[in-house]
Protein backbone atom coordinates (compact mmCIF):
# COMPACT_ATOMS: atom_id res chain seq x y z
CA MET A 1 -29.71 14.50 -2.62
CA ILE A 2 -31.88 11.89 -4.70
CA ALA A 3 -30.04 8.49 -5.58
CA HIS A 4 -30.31 7.73 -9.13
CA GLN A 5 -30.40 4.07 -10.08
CA PRO A 6 -26.83 2.97 -11.43
CA PRO A 7 -26.14 3.36 -15.00
CA ASN A 8 -25.89 -0.20 -16.96
CA PRO A 9 -22.27 0.28 -18.10
CA HIS A 10 -23.56 -0.74 -21.69
CA HIS A 11 -25.98 1.80 -22.18
CA ALA A 12 -25.94 5.64 -22.03
CA VAL A 13 -27.16 7.59 -19.14
CA ILE A 14 -29.94 9.87 -20.64
CA ALA A 15 -30.04 13.71 -19.96
CA GLN A 16 -33.43 14.64 -18.93
CA LEU A 17 -33.19 18.60 -19.23
CA ALA A 18 -31.48 18.36 -22.44
CA SER A 19 -33.59 15.42 -24.20
CA HIS A 20 -36.65 17.36 -23.21
CA ALA A 21 -35.34 20.79 -24.45
CA LEU A 22 -34.07 18.89 -27.67
CA GLY A 23 -36.69 16.66 -28.26
CA ARG A 24 -34.26 13.77 -28.82
CA GLN A 25 -32.28 11.90 -26.36
CA ALA A 26 -29.12 13.61 -25.02
CA THR A 27 -26.09 11.58 -23.48
CA LEU A 28 -24.80 12.47 -19.89
CA GLU A 29 -21.44 13.05 -19.32
CA VAL A 30 -18.57 14.78 -16.94
CA CYS A 31 -18.26 18.64 -18.22
CA ARG A 32 -16.07 21.31 -16.46
CA SER A 33 -16.69 24.97 -15.84
CA ALA A 34 -14.77 27.27 -13.65
CA ALA A 35 -16.76 26.17 -10.85
CA GLY A 36 -15.86 22.47 -11.12
CA PHE A 37 -17.05 19.33 -12.86
CA TYR A 38 -20.60 18.32 -13.15
CA LEU A 39 -22.85 16.20 -14.88
CA GLY A 40 -24.27 17.65 -18.21
CA THR A 41 -24.33 17.62 -22.09
CA TYR A 42 -22.41 19.18 -24.80
CA VAL A 43 -24.29 19.71 -28.12
CA ASP A 44 -22.08 20.80 -31.31
CA HIS A 45 -19.45 20.08 -29.05
CA GLU A 46 -20.39 23.15 -26.75
CA PRO A 47 -21.44 22.93 -23.21
CA TYR A 48 -25.50 22.86 -23.50
CA SER A 49 -26.67 21.52 -20.10
CA ARG A 50 -25.85 21.20 -16.39
CA GLU A 51 -27.98 18.17 -15.70
CA SER A 52 -26.38 17.86 -11.97
CA VAL A 53 -27.01 20.26 -8.99
CA GLU A 54 -23.85 19.25 -7.66
CA TYR A 55 -20.25 20.19 -8.78
CA TRP A 56 -17.23 18.52 -7.90
CA ASN A 57 -13.44 19.23 -7.37
CA THR A 58 -12.28 16.36 -9.50
CA ARG A 59 -13.47 14.59 -13.10
CA LYS A 60 -12.94 11.61 -11.26
CA GLU A 61 -15.45 12.38 -8.32
CA ALA A 62 -17.87 13.30 -10.76
CA GLN A 63 -17.45 10.16 -12.69
CA ASP A 64 -17.90 8.02 -9.57
CA ALA A 65 -21.29 10.12 -8.89
CA LEU A 66 -22.67 9.11 -12.18
CA VAL A 67 -21.45 5.73 -12.55
CA ASN A 68 -23.13 5.21 -8.91
CA GLY A 69 -25.82 7.27 -9.24
CA GLN A 70 -25.18 9.35 -6.28
CA TRP A 71 -26.46 12.77 -7.52
CA THR A 72 -29.14 15.26 -7.68
CA GLN A 73 -31.14 15.89 -11.12
CA ARG A 74 -31.75 19.82 -11.75
CA GLN A 75 -35.27 20.53 -12.26
CA HIS A 76 -34.81 23.61 -14.73
CA PHE A 77 -32.41 25.15 -16.73
């Protein structure tokens, strides 16, 4: 696991894969799929990218990982 710097609570965490693909900054957030909760992005209210390698069982676990920087960035879509 690559530990990320915990985000400043006053700044959004930038989603690397989505930002690169879109050509603009995209904000990382907790998302949900059939596999569980993950860190990713939405575009036009639709899921767009999964940025985290991990899935978590609960929204709280995923949010804690985001806040604490304890997640692994995927390298490819």
